[in-house]
Amino acid sequence: MNKTFINNTFEKATLRFLFLFGIIAFFNLIRKPLMKDWLIIFFLKSYISTILDAVVVKKGYIKYPVNLFKIFDFSFLFSYILFPISCVYYNQLSKNSNIFGMIAKSLCFSIPMTIAENWLEKNTRLIEYKKSWNWKYTLSSLTTTFLIVRLIIGIIRKSTNTGRTAINKRTIKTPVTR
């Protein structure tokens, strides 16, 4: 399929569908236990992906010719909705995983996302790779950011649990059994 024959109607419809999907997925996420953690992950991932996307677009490696919101040079839908949601799901699945499980699960998310982006780049005007950008950079950046956010939320969880444990040990007296 040649990009020149696909008009913006297909791309806009695809973006609207993904936007609706993202909103529904977001509301599904916030209903699950540990909502505070999921929201921290969601906003942290939004922040990181927005910065990275803006840098990559400004440097000219990626371009988004058709965008849902024309005021942004980067992909608002990906940076603020789809990527953060996928990161929350990843963190839910890897919550109790060891390092090898975290890496494997991050690849289970980043590989399909890379394949989808590569297909969109070749068959639509939603994304264009420029300069030397290719699927390998996409895969490595997706995987790395999944793992960075997982590391940060792990540190937050550990510091929060350690604080609670110390408080609980001081305030709760255990009965002495004879």
C-alpha atoms as a PDB file:
ATOM      1  CA  MET A   1       0.000   0.000   0.000  1.00  0.00           C
ATOM      2  CA  ASN A   2       1.380   3.391  -0.968  1.00  0.00           C
ATOM      3  CA  LYS A   3       1.152   6.319   1.450  1.00  0.00           C
ATOM      4  CA  THR A   4       0.170   8.752  -1.275  1.00  0.00           C
ATOM      5  CA  PHE A   5      -3.086   6.921  -1.954  1.00  0.00           C
ATOM      6  CA  ILE A   6      -4.292   6.941   1.631  1.00  0.00           C
ATOM      7  CA  ASN A   7      -6.073  10.165   2.385  1.00  0.00           C
ATOM      8  CA  ASN A   8      -6.271  11.957   5.705  1.00  0.00           C
ATOM      9  CA  THR A   9      -9.758  10.558   6.324  1.00  0.00           C
ATOM     10  CA  PHE A  10      -8.349   7.119   7.116  1.00  0.00           C
ATOM     11  CA  GLU A  11      -5.649   8.587   9.339  1.00  0.00           C
ATOM     12  CA  LYS A  12      -8.047  10.879  11.204  1.00  0.00           C
ATOM     13  CA  ALA A  13     -10.484   7.981  11.724  1.00  0.00           C
ATOM     14  CA  THR A  14      -7.627   5.844  13.044  1.00  0.00           C
ATOM     15  CA  LEU A  15      -6.589   8.598  15.455  1.00  0.00           C
ATOM     16  CA  ARG A  16     -10.175   9.104  16.663  1.00  0.00           C
ATOM     17  CA  PHE A  17     -10.575   5.361  17.231  1.00  0.00           C
ATOM     18  CA  LEU A  18      -7.294   5.204  19.179  1.00  0.00           C
ATOM     19  CA  PHE A  19      -8.303   8.270  21.204  1.00  0.00           C
ATOM     20  CA  LEU A  20     -11.625   6.657  22.162  1.00  0.00           C
ATOM     21  CA  PHE A  21      -9.865   3.370  22.921  1.00  0.00           C
ATOM     22  CA  GLY A  22      -7.366   5.240  25.097  1.00  0.00           C
ATOM     23  CA  ILE A  23     -10.057   7.041  27.102  1.00  0.00           C
ATOM     24  CA  ILE A  24     -11.927   3.776  27.748  1.00  0.00           C
ATOM     25  CA  ALA A  25      -8.690   2.007  28.731  1.00  0.00           C
ATOM     26  CA  PHE A  26      -7.808   4.871  31.087  1.00  0.00           C
ATOM     27  CA  PHE A  27     -11.102   4.596  32.961  1.00  0.00           C
ATOM     28  CA  ASN A  28     -10.622   0.839  33.183  1.00  0.00           C
ATOM     29  CA  LEU A  29      -7.197   1.418  34.764  1.00  0.00           C
ATOM     30  CA  ILE A  30      -8.294   3.781  37.490  1.00  0.00           C
ATOM     31  CA  ARG A  31     -10.889   1.302  38.761  1.00  0.00           C
ATOM     32  CA  LYS A  32      -8.207  -1.231  39.731  1.00  0.00           C
ATOM     33  CA  PRO A  33      -6.561  -1.424  43.164  1.00  0.00           C
ATOM     34  CA  LEU A  34      -3.427   0.642  43.702  1.00  0.00           C
ATOM     35  CA  MET A  35      -4.994   3.523  41.772  1.00  0.00           C
ATOM     36  CA  LYS A  36      -2.438   5.947  43.253  1.00  0.00           C
ATOM     37  CA  ASP A  37       0.428   3.909  41.795  1.00  0.00           C
ATOM     38  CA  TRP A  38      -1.268   3.649  38.406  1.00  0.00           C
ATOM     39  CA  LEU A  39      -1.853   7.407  38.257  1.00  0.00           C
ATOM     40  CA  ILE A  40       1.755   8.120  39.248  1.00  0.00           C
ATOM     41  CA  ILE A  41       2.930   5.781  36.481  1.00  0.00           C
ATOM     42  CA  PHE A  42       0.506   7.316  33.983  1.00  0.00           C
ATOM     43  CA  PHE A  43       1.631  10.899  34.640  1.00  0.00           C
ATOM     44  CA  LEU A  44       5.311  10.002  34.942  1.00  0.00           C
ATOM     45  CA  LYS A  45       5.219   8.167  31.619  1.00  0.00           C
ATOM     46  CA  SER A  46       3.342  11.080  30.015  1.00  0.00           C
ATOM     47  CA  TYR A  47       6.029  13.454  31.222  1.00  0.00           C
ATOM     48  CA  ILE A  48       8.939  11.303  30.038  1.00  0.00           C
ATOM     49  CA  SER A  49       7.421  10.436  26.659  1.00  0.00           C
ATOM     50  CA  THR A  50       6.477  14.055  25.964  1.00  0.00           C
ATOM     51  CA  ILE A  51      10.029  15.225  26.587  1.00  0.00           C
ATOM     52  CA  LEU A  52      11.558  12.430  24.500  1.00  0.00           C
ATOM     53  CA  ASP A  53       9.028  12.846  21.686  1.00  0.00           C
ATOM     54  CA  ALA A  54       9.563  16.613  21.600  1.00  0.00           C
ATOM     55  CA  VAL A  55      13.349  16.176  21.397  1.00  0.00           C
ATOM     56  CA  VAL A  56      13.134  13.551  18.644  1.00  0.00           C
ATOM     57  CA  VAL A  57      10.700  15.692  16.637  1.00  0.00           C
ATOM     58  CA  LYS A  58      12.719  18.892  17.148  1.00  0.00           C
ATOM     59  CA  LYS A  59      15.925  17.134  16.034  1.00  0.00           C
ATOM     60  CA  GLY A  60      14.065  15.983  12.910  1.00  0.00           C
ATOM     61  CA  TYR A  61      14.174  12.213  13.424  1.00  0.00           C
ATOM     62  CA  ILE A  62      10.405  11.721  13.456  1.00  0.00           C
ATOM     63  CA  LYS A  63       7.576  13.727  11.947  1.00  0.00           C
ATOM     64  CA  TYR A  64       3.813  13.454  12.479  1.00  0.00           C
ATOM     65  CA  PRO A  65       2.250  14.835   9.261  1.00  0.00           C
ATOM     66  CA  VAL A  66      -1.317  13.982  10.311  1.00  0.00           C
ATOM     67  CA  ASN A  67      -2.115  14.712  13.929  1.00  0.00           C
ATOM     68  CA  LEU A  68      -5.311  14.719  15.950  1.00  0.00           C
ATOM     69  CA  PHE A  69      -4.416  18.035  17.580  1.00  0.00           C
ATOM     70  CA  LYS A  70      -2.616  20.347  15.149  1.00  0.00           C
ATOM     71  CA  ILE A  71      -1.217  22.594  17.890  1.00  0.00           C
ATOM     72  CA  PHE A  72       1.366  19.931  18.817  1.00  0.00           C
ATOM     73  CA  ASP A  73       4.365  18.884  16.716  1.00  0.00           C
ATOM     74  CA  PHE A  74       4.581  15.618  18.641  1.00  0.00           C
ATOM     75  CA  SER A  75       1.936  12.915  18.874  1.00  0.00           C
ATOM     76  CA  PHE A  76      -0.349  14.049  21.690  1.00  0.00           C
ATOM     77  CA  LEU A  77      -2.325  10.808  21.470  1.00  0.00           C
ATOM     78  CA  PHE A  78       0.726   8.601  21.860  1.00  0.00           C
ATOM     79  CA  SER A  79       2.613  10.696  24.437  1.00  0.00           C
ATOM     80  CA  TYR A  80      -0.307  11.572  26.695  1.00  0.00           C
ATOM     81  CA  ILE A  81      -2.693   8.625  26.343  1.00  0.00           C
ATOM     82  CA  LEU A  82      -1.593   5.415  24.601  1.00  0.00           C
ATOM     83  CA  PHE A  83       2.016   5.117  25.791  1.00  0.00           C
ATOM     84  CA  PRO A  84       1.214   5.948  29.441  1.00  0.00           C
ATOM     85  CA  ILE A  85      -1.701   3.487  29.446  1.00  0.00           C
ATOM     86  CA  SER A  86       0.494   0.727  28.039  1.00  0.00           C
ATOM     87  CA  CYS A  87       3.058   1.522  30.738  1.00  0.00           C
ATOM     88  CA  VAL A  88       0.430   1.182  33.471  1.00  0.00           C
ATOM     89  CA  TYR A  89      -0.626  -2.207  32.117  1.00  0.00           C
ATOM     90  CA  TYR A  90       3.034  -3.227  31.920  1.00  0.00           C
ATOM     91  CA  ASN A  91       3.560  -2.201  35.547  1.00  0.00           C
ATOM     92  CA  GLN A  92       0.473  -4.112  36.633  1.00  0.00           C
ATOM     93  CA  LEU A  93       1.824  -7.262  34.983  1.00  0.00           C
ATOM     94  CA  SER A  94       5.377  -6.811  36.243  1.00  0.00           C
ATOM     95  CA  LYS A  95       4.536  -5.679  39.780  1.00  0.00           C
ATOM     96  CA  ASN A  96       5.929  -8.846  41.394  1.00  0.00           C
ATOM     97  CA  SER A  97       8.471  -9.781  38.713  1.00  0.00           C
ATOM     98  CA  ASN A  98      12.213 -10.131  39.084  1.00  0.00           C
ATOM     99  CA  ILE A  99      14.548  -8.225  36.746  1.00  0.00           C
ATOM    100  CA  PHE A 100      14.398 -10.892  34.028  1.00  0.00           C
ATOM    101  CA  GLY A 101      10.603 -10.924  34.173  1.00  0.00           C
ATOM    102  CA  MET A 102      10.504  -7.137  33.945  1.00  0.00           C
ATOM    103  CA  ILE A 103      12.738  -7.123  30.866  1.00  0.00           C
ATOM    104  CA  ALA A 104      10.790  -9.938  29.194  1.00  0.00           C
ATOM    105  CA  LYS A 105       7.458  -8.265  29.911  1.00  0.00           C
ATOM    106  CA  SER A 106       8.722  -4.901  28.676  1.00  0.00           C
ATOM    107  CA  LEU A 107       9.677  -6.595  25.412  1.00  0.00           C
ATOM    108  CA  CYS A 108       6.196  -8.144  25.243  1.00  0.00           C
ATOM    109  CA  PHE A 109       4.868  -4.582  25.164  1.00  0.00           C
ATOM    110  CA  SER A 110       7.548  -2.792  23.164  1.00  0.00           C
ATOM    111  CA  ILE A 111       7.870  -5.320  20.320  1.00  0.00           C
ATOM    112  CA  PRO A 112       4.177  -5.172  19.254  1.00  0.00           C
ATOM    113  CA  MET A 113       4.232  -1.381  19.661  1.00  0.00           C
ATOM    114  CA  THR A 114       7.319  -1.189  17.444  1.00  0.00           C
ATOM    115  CA  ILE A 115       5.716  -3.436  14.826  1.00  0.00           C
ATOM    116  CA  ALA A 116       2.571  -1.283  14.858  1.00  0.00           C
ATOM    117  CA  GLU A 117       4.569   1.946  14.556  1.00  0.00           C
ATOM    118  CA  ASN A 118       6.672   0.497  11.741  1.00  0.00           C
ATOM    119  CA  TRP A 119       3.503  -0.525   9.870  1.00  0.00           C
ATOM    120  CA  LEU A 120       2.007   2.939  10.390  1.00  0.00           C
ATOM    121  CA  GLU A 121       5.219   4.544   9.158  1.00  0.00           C
ATOM    122  CA  LYS A 122       5.259   2.461   5.993  1.00  0.00           C
ATOM    123  CA  ASN A 123       1.524   2.602   5.207  1.00  0.00           C
ATOM    124  CA  THR A 124       0.136   5.893   6.507  1.00  0.00           C
ATOM    125  CA  ARG A 125       1.030   9.516   7.029  1.00  0.00           C
ATOM    126  CA  LEU A 126       0.619   9.278  10.816  1.00  0.00           C
ATOM    127  CA  ILE A 127       4.363   9.028  11.373  1.00  0.00           C
ATOM    128  CA  GLU A 128       7.437   9.445   9.214  1.00  0.00           C
ATOM    129  CA  TYR A 129      10.949   8.349  10.083  1.00  0.00           C
ATOM    130  CA  LYS A 130      13.565  10.892   9.055  1.00  0.00           C
ATOM    131  CA  LYS A 131      17.344  10.948   9.011  1.00  0.00           C
ATOM    132  CA  SER A 132      18.646   7.674  10.449  1.00  0.00           C
ATOM    133  CA  TRP A 133      15.639   6.778  12.636  1.00  0.00           C
ATOM    134  CA  ASN A 134      14.385   3.201  12.298  1.00  0.00           C
ATOM    135  CA  TRP A 135      12.503   0.508  14.192  1.00  0.00           C
ATOM    136  CA  LYS A 136      15.569  -0.381  16.283  1.00  0.00           C
ATOM    137  CA  TYR A 137      15.608   3.076  17.869  1.00  0.00           C
ATOM    138  CA  THR A 138      11.895   2.830  18.512  1.00  0.00           C
ATOM    139  CA  LEU A 139      12.226  -0.589  20.141  1.00  0.00           C
ATOM    140  CA  SER A 140      15.126   0.444  22.344  1.00  0.00           C
ATOM    141  CA  SER A 141      13.516   3.714  23.441  1.00  0.00           C
ATOM    142  CA  LEU A 142      10.187   2.037  24.250  1.00  0.00           C
ATOM    143  CA  THR A 143      11.848  -0.767  26.213  1.00  0.00           C
ATOM    144  CA  THR A 144      14.145   1.610  28.069  1.00  0.00           C
ATOM    145  CA  THR A 145      11.359   3.961  29.119  1.00  0.00           C
ATOM    146  CA  PHE A 146       9.196   1.054  30.300  1.00  0.00           C
ATOM    147  CA  LEU A 147      12.073  -0.095  32.498  1.00  0.00           C
ATOM    148  CA  ILE A 148      12.917   3.412  33.760  1.00  0.00           C
ATOM    149  CA  VAL A 149       9.351   4.052  34.882  1.00  0.00           C
ATOM    150  CA  ARG A 150       9.224   0.563  36.443  1.00  0.00           C
ATOM    151  CA  LEU A 151      12.414   1.342  38.366  1.00  0.00           C
ATOM    152  CA  ILE A 152      11.055   4.693  39.592  1.00  0.00           C
ATOM    153  CA  ILE A 153       7.718   3.256  40.767  1.00  0.00           C
ATOM    154  CA  GLY A 154       9.630   0.395  42.425  1.00  0.00           C
ATOM    155  CA  ILE A 155      11.679   2.926  44.382  1.00  0.00           C
ATOM    156  CA  ILE A 156       8.516   4.832  45.321  1.00  0.00           C
ATOM    157  CA  ARG A 157       6.797   1.636  46.477  1.00  0.00           C
ATOM    158  CA  LYS A 158       9.817   0.542  48.485  1.00  0.00           C
ATOM    159  CA  SER A 159      10.183   3.895  50.228  1.00  0.00           C
ATOM    160  CA  THR A 160       6.454   4.057  50.959  1.00  0.00           C
ATOM    161  CA  ASN A 161       6.293   0.497  52.325  1.00  0.00           C
ATOM    162  CA  THR A 162       9.430   0.971  54.426  1.00  0.00           C
ATOM    163  CA  GLY A 163       7.919   4.077  56.014  1.00  0.00           C
ATOM    164  CA  ARG A 164       4.665   2.305  56.828  1.00  0.00           C
ATOM    165  CA  THR A 165       6.432  -0.697  58.296  1.00  0.00           C
ATOM    166  CA  ALA A 166       8.511   1.455  60.628  1.00  0.00           C
ATOM    167  CA  ILE A 167       5.412   3.314  61.818  1.00  0.00           C
ATOM    168  CA  ASN A 168       3.421   0.118  62.287  1.00  0.00           C
ATOM    169  CA  LYS A 169       6.155  -1.514  64.361  1.00  0.00           C
ATOM    170  CA  ARG A 170       6.273   1.459  66.734  1.00  0.00           C
ATOM    171  CA  THR A 171       2.539   1.956  67.135  1.00  0.00           C
ATOM    172  CA  ILE A 172       1.220  -1.599  67.188  1.00  0.00           C
ATOM    173  CA  LYS A 173       2.101  -3.579  70.267  1.00  0.00           C
ATOM    174  CA  THR A 174       2.085  -7.286  69.904  1.00  0.00           C
ATOM    175  CA  PRO A 175       0.607  -9.283  72.754  1.00  0.00           C
ATOM    176  CA  VAL A 176       2.973 -11.397  74.743  1.00  0.00           C
ATOM    177  CA  THR A 177       2.074 -15.090  74.724  1.00  0.00           C
ATOM    178  CA  ARG A 178       3.025 -17.376  77.568  1.00  0.00           C
END
